[in-house]
C-alpha atoms as a PDB file:
ATOM      1  CA  MET A   1       3.549 -18.019  -3.315  1.00  0.00           C
ATOM      2  CA  ASP A   2       0.132 -18.666  -1.754  1.00  0.00           C
ATOM      3  CA  ASP A   3      -3.366 -17.415  -2.394  1.00  0.00           C
ATOM      4  CA  LEU A   4      -4.313 -15.145   0.489  1.00  0.00           C
ATOM      5  CA  ALA A   5      -7.156 -13.043  -0.822  1.00  0.00           C
ATOM      6  CA  GLY A   6      -9.756 -14.777  -2.952  1.00  0.00           C
ATOM      7  CA  GLY A   7      -7.654 -15.542  -5.997  1.00  0.00           C
ATOM      8  CA  ASN A   8      -5.262 -12.608  -5.741  1.00  0.00           C
ATOM      9  CA  THR A   9      -1.721 -13.933  -5.407  1.00  0.00           C
ATOM     10  CA  ILE A  10       0.784 -12.206  -3.145  1.00  0.00           C
ATOM     11  CA  PHE A  11       4.098 -13.281  -1.688  1.00  0.00           C
ATOM     12  CA  LEU A  12       3.728 -15.255   1.517  1.00  0.00           C
ATOM     13  CA  ASP A  13       6.890 -17.351   1.582  1.00  0.00           C
ATOM     14  CA  TYR A  14       8.709 -15.351   4.237  1.00  0.00           C
ATOM     15  CA  VAL A  15       5.598 -14.444   6.240  1.00  0.00           C
ATOM     16  CA  LYS A  16       4.919 -18.119   6.976  1.00  0.00           C
ATOM     17  CA  ALA A  17       8.539 -18.879   7.843  1.00  0.00           C
ATOM     18  CA  ASP A  18       9.423 -20.087  11.341  1.00  0.00           C
ATOM     19  CA  ASP A  19      12.827 -18.406  11.169  1.00  0.00           C
ATOM     20  CA  ALA A  20      12.834 -14.782  12.417  1.00  0.00           C
ATOM     21  CA  ALA A  21      15.869 -14.013  10.263  1.00  0.00           C
ATOM     22  CA  GLU A  22      14.016 -15.126   7.127  1.00  0.00           C
ATOM     23  CA  ILE A  23      11.059 -12.884   7.933  1.00  0.00           C
ATOM     24  CA  ASP A  24      13.449 -10.015   8.626  1.00  0.00           C
ATOM     25  CA  ARG A  25      15.163 -10.612   5.281  1.00  0.00           C
ATOM     26  CA  GLY A  26      11.822 -10.595   3.468  1.00  0.00           C
ATOM     27  CA  ILE A  27      10.818  -7.319   5.114  1.00  0.00           C
ATOM     28  CA  ARG A  28      14.095  -5.703   4.085  1.00  0.00           C
ATOM     29  CA  GLU A  29      13.809  -6.970   0.512  1.00  0.00           C
ATOM     30  CA  THR A  30      10.314  -5.502   0.259  1.00  0.00           C
ATOM     31  CA  ILE A  31      11.544  -2.133   1.509  1.00  0.00           C
ATOM     32  CA  LYS A  32      14.315  -2.211  -1.110  1.00  0.00           C
ATOM     33  CA  GLY A  33      11.786  -2.980  -3.822  1.00  0.00           C
ATOM     34  CA  VAL A  34      12.931  -6.527  -4.526  1.00  0.00           C
ATOM     35  CA  ARG A  35       9.472  -7.724  -3.537  1.00  0.00           C
ATOM     36  CA  LEU A  36       6.258  -5.862  -4.291  1.00  0.00           C
ATOM     37  CA  SER A  37       3.703  -6.652  -1.597  1.00  0.00           C
ATOM     38  CA  ILE A  38       3.221  -3.974   1.077  1.00  0.00           C
ATOM     39  CA  LEU A  39       0.505  -6.148   2.590  1.00  0.00           C
ATOM     40  CA  THR A  40       2.871  -9.084   2.975  1.00  0.00           C
ATOM     41  CA  MET A  41       5.543  -6.899   4.547  1.00  0.00           C
ATOM     42  CA  GLY A  42       2.949  -5.561   6.978  1.00  0.00           C
ATOM     43  CA  LEU A  43       2.050  -9.121   7.943  1.00  0.00           C
ATOM     44  CA  GLY A  44       5.740  -9.853   8.481  1.00  0.00           C
ATOM     45  CA  LEU A  45       6.123  -6.867  10.785  1.00  0.00           C
ATOM     46  CA  ALA A  46       2.946  -7.859  12.639  1.00  0.00           C
ATOM     47  CA  ARG A  47       4.374 -11.340  13.272  1.00  0.00           C
ATOM     48  CA  MET A  48       7.646  -9.826  14.452  1.00  0.00           C
ATOM     49  CA  LYS A  49       5.708  -7.846  17.050  1.00  0.00           C
ATOM     50  CA  SER A  50       2.953 -10.252  18.122  1.00  0.00           C
ATOM     51  CA  GLU A  51       5.222 -13.295  18.444  1.00  0.00           C
ATOM     52  CA  GLY A  52       8.201 -11.379  19.838  1.00  0.00           C
ATOM     53  CA  LEU A  53      10.416 -12.613  16.999  1.00  0.00           C
ATOM     54  CA  PHE A  54      12.550  -9.478  17.243  1.00  0.00           C
ATOM     55  CA  LYS A  55      14.060 -10.988  20.399  1.00  0.00           C
ATOM     56  CA  LYS A  56      15.507 -13.841  18.334  1.00  0.00           C
ATOM     57  CA  LEU A  57      17.350 -11.163  16.344  1.00  0.00           C
ATOM     58  CA  LYS A  58      18.865  -9.812  19.579  1.00  0.00           C
ATOM     59  CA  PHE A  59      16.560  -6.774  19.927  1.00  0.00           C
ATOM     60  CA  ARG A  60      15.024  -6.046  23.323  1.00  0.00           C
ATOM     61  CA  THR A  61      11.949  -4.299  21.941  1.00  0.00           C
ATOM     62  CA  MET A  62      10.011  -3.943  18.688  1.00  0.00           C
ATOM     63  CA  SER A  63      10.883  -0.249  18.702  1.00  0.00           C
ATOM     64  CA  ALA A  64      14.584  -1.107  18.766  1.00  0.00           C
ATOM     65  CA  TYR A  65      14.069  -3.424  15.791  1.00  0.00           C
ATOM     66  CA  VAL A  66      12.212  -0.703  13.881  1.00  0.00           C
ATOM     67  CA  ASP A  67      14.954   1.803  14.699  1.00  0.00           C
ATOM     68  CA  ARG A  68      17.561  -0.513  13.194  1.00  0.00           C
ATOM     69  CA  LEU A  69      15.400  -1.061  10.100  1.00  0.00           C
ATOM     70  CA  CYS A  70      15.119   2.690   9.614  1.00  0.00           C
ATOM     71  CA  GLU A  71      18.844   3.169  10.093  1.00  0.00           C
ATOM     72  CA  GLU A  72      19.860   0.464   7.638  1.00  0.00           C
ATOM     73  CA  THR A  73      17.221   1.085   4.948  1.00  0.00           C
ATOM     74  CA  GLN A  74      16.982   4.894   5.270  1.00  0.00           C
ATOM     75  CA  MET A  75      13.212   4.551   5.678  1.00  0.00           C
ATOM     76  CA  ASP A  76      11.098   6.899   7.810  1.00  0.00           C
ATOM     77  CA  ARG A  77       9.755   5.429  11.048  1.00  0.00           C
ATOM     78  CA  SER A  78       6.268   6.604  10.170  1.00  0.00           C
ATOM     79  CA  ASN A  79       6.325   4.346   7.082  1.00  0.00           C
ATOM     80  CA  ILE A  80       7.468   1.309   9.059  1.00  0.00           C
ATOM     81  CA  TYR A  81       4.811   1.825  11.728  1.00  0.00           C
ATOM     82  CA  ASN A  82       2.161   2.396   9.083  1.00  0.00           C
ATOM     83  CA  TRP A  83       3.085  -0.909   7.413  1.00  0.00           C
ATOM     84  CA  LEU A  84       2.950  -2.545  10.835  1.00  0.00           C
ATOM     85  CA  SER A  85      -0.569  -1.139  11.296  1.00  0.00           C
ATOM     86  CA  ILE A  86      -1.540  -2.584   7.914  1.00  0.00           C
ATOM     87  CA  GLY A  87      -0.345  -6.038   8.946  1.00  0.00           C
ATOM     88  CA  GLU A  88      -2.043  -5.898  12.324  1.00  0.00           C
ATOM     89  CA  ALA A  89      -5.343  -4.801  10.793  1.00  0.00           C
ATOM     90  CA  TYR A  90      -5.232  -7.582   8.202  1.00  0.00           C
ATOM     91  CA  SER A  91      -4.358 -10.186  10.835  1.00  0.00           C
ATOM     92  CA  LYS A  92      -7.269  -9.106  13.036  1.00  0.00           C
ATOM     93  CA  TYR A  93      -9.856  -9.083  10.233  1.00  0.00           C
ATOM     94  CA  GLN A  94      -8.321 -11.724   7.951  1.00  0.00           C
ATOM     95  CA  ARG A  95     -11.500 -13.792   7.635  1.00  0.00           C
ATOM     96  CA  GLU A  96     -13.617 -10.812   6.553  1.00  0.00           C
ATOM     97  CA  LEU A  97     -10.914  -9.532   4.200  1.00  0.00           C
ATOM     98  CA  GLU A  98     -10.533 -12.926   2.549  1.00  0.00           C
ATOM     99  CA  LEU A  99     -14.302 -13.066   1.978  1.00  0.00           C
ATOM    100  CA  ILE A 100     -14.228  -9.812  -0.015  1.00  0.00           C
ATOM    101  CA  GLY A 101     -11.057 -10.825  -1.856  1.00  0.00           C
ATOM    102  CA  PHE A 102      -8.991  -7.927  -0.490  1.00  0.00           C
ATOM    103  CA  SER A 103      -5.415  -7.714  -1.827  1.00  0.00           C
ATOM    104  CA  ASP A 104      -2.590  -5.279  -2.526  1.00  0.00           C
ATOM    105  CA  GLN A 105      -4.477  -4.081  -5.603  1.00  0.00           C
ATOM    106  CA  ASP A 106      -7.316  -2.807  -3.389  1.00  0.00           C
ATOM    107  CA  GLY A 107      -5.066  -0.428  -1.450  1.00  0.00           C
ATOM    108  CA  PRO A 108      -3.627  -1.851   1.797  1.00  0.00           C
ATOM    109  CA  THR A 109      -2.903   1.695   3.031  1.00  0.00           C
ATOM    110  CA  LYS A 110      -6.633   1.916   3.784  1.00  0.00           C
ATOM    111  CA  LEU A 111      -6.363  -0.828   6.409  1.00  0.00           C
ATOM    112  CA  PRO A 112      -5.105   1.364   9.308  1.00  0.00           C
ATOM    113  CA  TYR A 113      -8.458   3.198   9.083  1.00  0.00           C
ATOM    114  CA  LEU A 114     -10.550   0.008   9.182  1.00  0.00           C
ATOM    115  CA  GLU A 115     -10.953  -0.113  12.959  1.00  0.00           C
ATOM    116  CA  ARG A 116     -12.109   3.487  13.039  1.00  0.00           C
ATOM    117  CA  ALA A 117     -14.500   2.956  10.124  1.00  0.00           C
ATOM    118  CA  LEU A 118     -16.193   0.105  11.985  1.00  0.00           C
ATOM    119  CA  THR A 119     -17.229   2.578  14.684  1.00  0.00           C
ATOM    120  CA  VAL A 120     -19.115   4.800  12.227  1.00  0.00           C
ATOM    121  CA  GLY A 121     -20.710   2.314   9.843  1.00  0.00           C
ATOM    122  CA  GLU A 122     -22.321  -1.119   9.626  1.00  0.00           C
ATOM    123  CA  LYS A 123     -19.862  -3.979   9.175  1.00  0.00           C
ATOM    124  CA  GLU A 124     -21.073  -4.982   5.710  1.00  0.00           C
ATOM    125  CA  GLU A 125     -21.018  -1.366   4.531  1.00  0.00           C
ATOM    126  CA  VAL A 126     -17.524  -0.796   5.911  1.00  0.00           C
ATOM    127  CA  PHE A 127     -15.968  -3.787   4.135  1.00  0.00           C
ATOM    128  CA  THR A 128     -17.770  -2.956   0.900  1.00  0.00           C
ATOM    129  CA  ASN A 129     -16.395   0.590   1.076  1.00  0.00           C
ATOM    130  CA  LEU A 130     -12.932  -0.705   1.960  1.00  0.00           C
ATOM    131  CA  LYS A 131     -12.927  -2.790  -1.215  1.00  0.00           C
ATOM    132  CA  ASN A 132     -14.415  -0.186  -3.554  1.00  0.00           C
ATOM    133  CA  MET A 133     -13.490   3.274  -2.262  1.00  0.00           C
ATOM    134  CA  SER A 134     -10.295   5.180  -2.988  1.00  0.00           C
ATOM    135  CA  GLN A 135      -7.849   5.927  -0.179  1.00  0.00           C
ATOM    136  CA  ARG A 136      -9.184   9.456   0.334  1.00  0.00           C
ATOM    137  CA  GLU A 137     -12.817   8.391   0.158  1.00  0.00           C
ATOM    138  CA  PHE A 138     -12.362   5.627   2.721  1.00  0.00           C
ATOM    139  CA  THR A 139     -10.327   7.865   5.031  1.00  0.00           C
ATOM    140  CA  ASN A 140     -13.102  10.449   4.900  1.00  0.00           C
ATOM    141  CA  PHE A 141     -15.711   7.747   5.529  1.00  0.00           C
ATOM    142  CA  ALA A 142     -13.750   6.456   8.534  1.00  0.00           C
ATOM    143  CA  LYS A 143     -13.740   9.943  10.011  1.00  0.00           C
ATOM    144  CA  GLY A 144     -17.515   9.964  10.013  1.00  0.00           C
ATOM    145  CA  GLY A 145     -18.440  11.457   6.661  1.00  0.00           C
ATOM    146  CA  LEU A 146     -19.102  10.360   3.114  1.00  0.00           C
ATOM    147  CA  ALA A 147     -17.653  12.012   0.058  1.00  0.00           C
ATOM    148  CA  GLU A 148     -20.148  14.373  -1.561  1.00  0.00           C
ATOM    149  CA  SER A 149     -21.435  13.570  -5.029  1.00  0.00           C
ATOM    150  CA  SER A 150     -21.615  15.788  -8.053  1.00  0.00           C
ATOM    151  CA  ARG A 151     -24.575  15.749 -10.452  1.00  0.00           C
ATOM    152  CA  ASP A 152     -22.932  13.147 -12.671  1.00  0.00           C
ATOM    153  CA  GLY A 153     -22.590  10.826  -9.681  1.00  0.00           C
ATOM    154  CA  ARG A 154     -18.816  11.069  -9.287  1.00  0.00           C
ATOM    155  CA  SER A 155     -17.398  11.503  -5.808  1.00  0.00           C
ATOM    156  CA  TYR A 156     -15.340  14.477  -4.764  1.00  0.00           C
ATOM    157  CA  GLU A 157     -14.143  16.068  -1.546  1.00  0.00           C
ATOM    158  CA  THR A 158     -14.479  19.680  -0.514  1.00  0.00           C
ATOM    159  CA  PRO A 159     -13.049  22.174  -0.152  1.00  0.00           C
ATOM    160  CA  HIS A 160     -10.959  22.061  -3.308  1.00  0.00           C
ATOM    161  CA  ILE A 161      -7.624  23.805  -2.740  1.00  0.00           C
ATOM    162  CA  LEU A 162      -5.055  24.858  -5.318  1.00  0.00           C
ATOM    163  CA  ILE A 163      -1.684  26.517  -4.656  1.00  0.00           C
ATOM    164  CA  LYS A 164       0.033  28.386  -7.488  1.00  0.00           C
ATOM    165  CA  GLY A 165       3.290  30.066  -6.594  1.00  0.00           C
ATOM    166  CA  ASN A 166       2.514  32.400  -3.697  1.00  0.00           C
ATOM    167  CA  VAL A 167      -1.273  32.346  -4.225  1.00  0.00           C
ATOM    168  CA  VAL A 168      -3.772  29.942  -2.609  1.00  0.00           C
ATOM    169  CA  TYR A 169      -7.176  29.312  -4.221  1.00  0.00           C
ATOM    170  CA  ILE A 170     -10.045  27.710  -2.296  1.00  0.00           C
ATOM    171  CA  GLN A 171     -13.084  26.591  -4.295  1.00  0.00           C
ATOM    172  CA  GLY A 172     -11.690  28.520  -7.251  1.00  0.00           C
ATOM    173  CA  LYS A 173     -11.484  31.777  -5.306  1.00  0.00           C
ATOM    174  CA  ARG A 174      -8.241  33.554  -4.468  1.00  0.00           C
ATOM    175  CA  ALA A 175      -7.936  33.212  -0.697  1.00  0.00           C
ATOM    176  CA  ILE A 176      -4.319  33.928   0.293  1.00  0.00           C
ATOM    177  CA  ILE A 177      -1.467  35.892  -1.286  1.00  0.00           C
ATOM    178  CA  VAL A 178       1.960  35.814   0.352  1.00  0.00           C
ATOM    179  CA  ASN A 179       4.005  38.923  -0.354  1.00  0.00           C
ATOM    180  CA  LYS A 180       7.259  37.852  -2.045  1.00  0.00           C
ATOM    181  CA  ASN A 181       8.981  40.986  -0.755  1.00  0.00           C
ATOM    182  CA  LEU A 182       9.148  39.345   2.666  1.00  0.00           C
ATOM    183  CA  GLY A 183      12.281  37.553   1.512  1.00  0.00           C
ATOM    184  CA  LYS A 184      12.796  34.077   0.083  1.00  0.00           C
ATOM    185  CA  LYS A 185      13.339  32.341   3.440  1.00  0.00           C
ATOM    186  CA  THR A 186      10.275  33.874   5.097  1.00  0.00           C
ATOM    187  CA  THR A 187       8.099  33.374   2.022  1.00  0.00           C
ATOM    188  CA  ASN A 188       9.065  29.702   1.715  1.00  0.00           C
ATOM    189  CA  TYR A 189       8.433  29.167   5.418  1.00  0.00           C
ATOM    190  CA  LEU A 190       4.964  30.719   5.263  1.00  0.00           C
ATOM    191  CA  MET A 191       4.043  28.754   2.143  1.00  0.00           C
ATOM    192  CA  LYS A 192       5.009  25.492   3.849  1.00  0.00           C
ATOM    193  CA  VAL A 193       2.803  26.393   6.825  1.00  0.00           C
ATOM    194  CA  ILE A 194      -0.081  27.254   4.497  1.00  0.00           C
ATOM    195  CA  GLN A 195       0.387  24.040   2.522  1.00  0.00           C
ATOM    196  CA  VAL A 196       0.184  21.900   5.662  1.00  0.00           C
ATOM    197  CA  SER A 197      -2.886  23.853   6.781  1.00  0.00           C
ATOM    198  CA  CYS A 198      -4.570  23.312   3.414  1.00  0.00           C
ATOM    199  CA  GLU A 199      -3.871  19.585   3.505  1.00  0.00           C
ATOM    200  CA  ALA A 200      -5.448  19.381   6.962  1.00  0.00           C
ATOM    201  CA  LEU A 201      -8.461  21.383   5.741  1.00  0.00           C
ATOM    202  CA  GLU A 202      -8.970  19.077   2.756  1.00  0.00           C
ATOM    203  CA  LYS A 203      -8.736  15.954   4.910  1.00  0.00           C
ATOM    204  CA  GLY A 204     -10.907  17.332   7.715  1.00  0.00           C
ATOM    205  CA  GLY A 205      -8.019  17.103  10.157  1.00  0.00           C
ATOM    206  CA  TYR A 206      -6.534  19.309  12.841  1.00  0.00           C
ATOM    207  CA  ILE A 207      -3.270  21.192  13.289  1.00  0.00           C
ATOM    208  CA  MET A 208      -1.291  21.321  16.526  1.00  0.00           C
ATOM    209  CA  PRO A 209       1.552  23.880  16.486  1.00  0.00           C
ATOM    210  CA  VAL A 210       4.733  22.738  18.242  1.00  0.00           C
ATOM    211  CA  PHE A 211       7.697  25.038  18.858  1.00  0.00           C
ATOM    212  CA  LEU A 212      11.084  23.324  18.866  1.00  0.00           C
ATOM    213  CA  ARG A 213      14.244  25.237  19.660  1.00  0.00           C
ATOM    214  CA  ASN A 214      16.779  23.401  17.517  1.00  0.00           C
ATOM    215  CA  LYS A 215      17.415  20.428  15.183  1.00  0.00           C
ATOM    216  CA  ARG A 216      18.280  18.156  18.104  1.00  0.00           C
ATOM    217  CA  GLU A 217      14.886  18.742  19.693  1.00  0.00           C
ATOM    218  CA  THR A 218      13.221  18.281  16.316  1.00  0.00           C
ATOM    219  CA  LYS A 219      14.900  14.908  15.771  1.00  0.00           C
ATOM    220  CA  ARG A 220      13.882  13.664  19.223  1.00  0.00           C
ATOM    221  CA  PHE A 221      10.342  14.966  18.769  1.00  0.00           C
ATOM    222  CA  ASN A 222       9.988  13.176  15.414  1.00  0.00           C
ATOM    223  CA  MET A 223      10.965   9.859  16.985  1.00  0.00           C
ATOM    224  CA  VAL A 224       8.282  10.203  19.660  1.00  0.00           C
ATOM    225  CA  TYR A 225       5.754  11.572  17.154  1.00  0.00           C
ATOM    226  CA  ASP A 226       6.090   8.595  14.776  1.00  0.00           C
ATOM    227  CA  ARG A 227       5.503   6.125  17.586  1.00  0.00           C
ATOM    228  CA  LEU A 228       2.550   8.091  18.972  1.00  0.00           C
ATOM    229  CA  MET A 229       0.883   8.333  15.551  1.00  0.00           C
ATOM    230  CA  ALA A 230       1.262   4.580  15.129  1.00  0.00           C
ATOM    231  CA  GLU A 231      -0.518   4.069  18.474  1.00  0.00           C
ATOM    232  CA  LEU A 232      -3.278   6.557  17.599  1.00  0.00           C
ATOM    233  CA  SER A 233      -3.981   4.765  14.314  1.00  0.00           C
ATOM    234  CA  HIS A 234      -5.262   1.832  16.379  1.00  0.00           C
ATOM    235  CA  ASP A 235      -7.723   3.935  18.382  1.00  0.00           C
END
């Protein structure tokens, strides 16, 4: 083990290896939970991509390597690409991250938003927020806004949304009631749509409806979607 982040110890044995197979093995062990560092796994994936190590494992592209990882570990592509984004972000800003002592304990899942945050805030402010803010606070900051503060100084995000059964409350007020007489299948479908909409509203995001005719189209769409989202996270 080596010290990567100002005194915080994480596993680096396989990340520094010259053997592609050893890095691949370390990535797989982390996915299975044998190892604990998401940040280290992200760095391993980043090396696989940047140095073309996947070719030594007989894969033509990084996407093909990721596809095999997903198949053999039963992990979603979106997770793999998100971990890759974490590794790439750390590699790019390693000097700055080492100076603030950033480690797994500080929330590596915030790293894919670092590039975007640097476009809305001063560098010193961004890295201070990266170290001290929660995931949701930093994501909100990266999107151009700061979490509002209550009178006691604690941060919170608005609007507050609560779903109980077939009723949706926004800011404590009953906003939506789905009639259960519509049938279980229809009711469940509508509640899932509402839940996704509420999550987007809370995070300040957007919703893009996509109509897919069957499961085959859905599976193909998800493959393209995961890769596109990974690319957008770098913008």
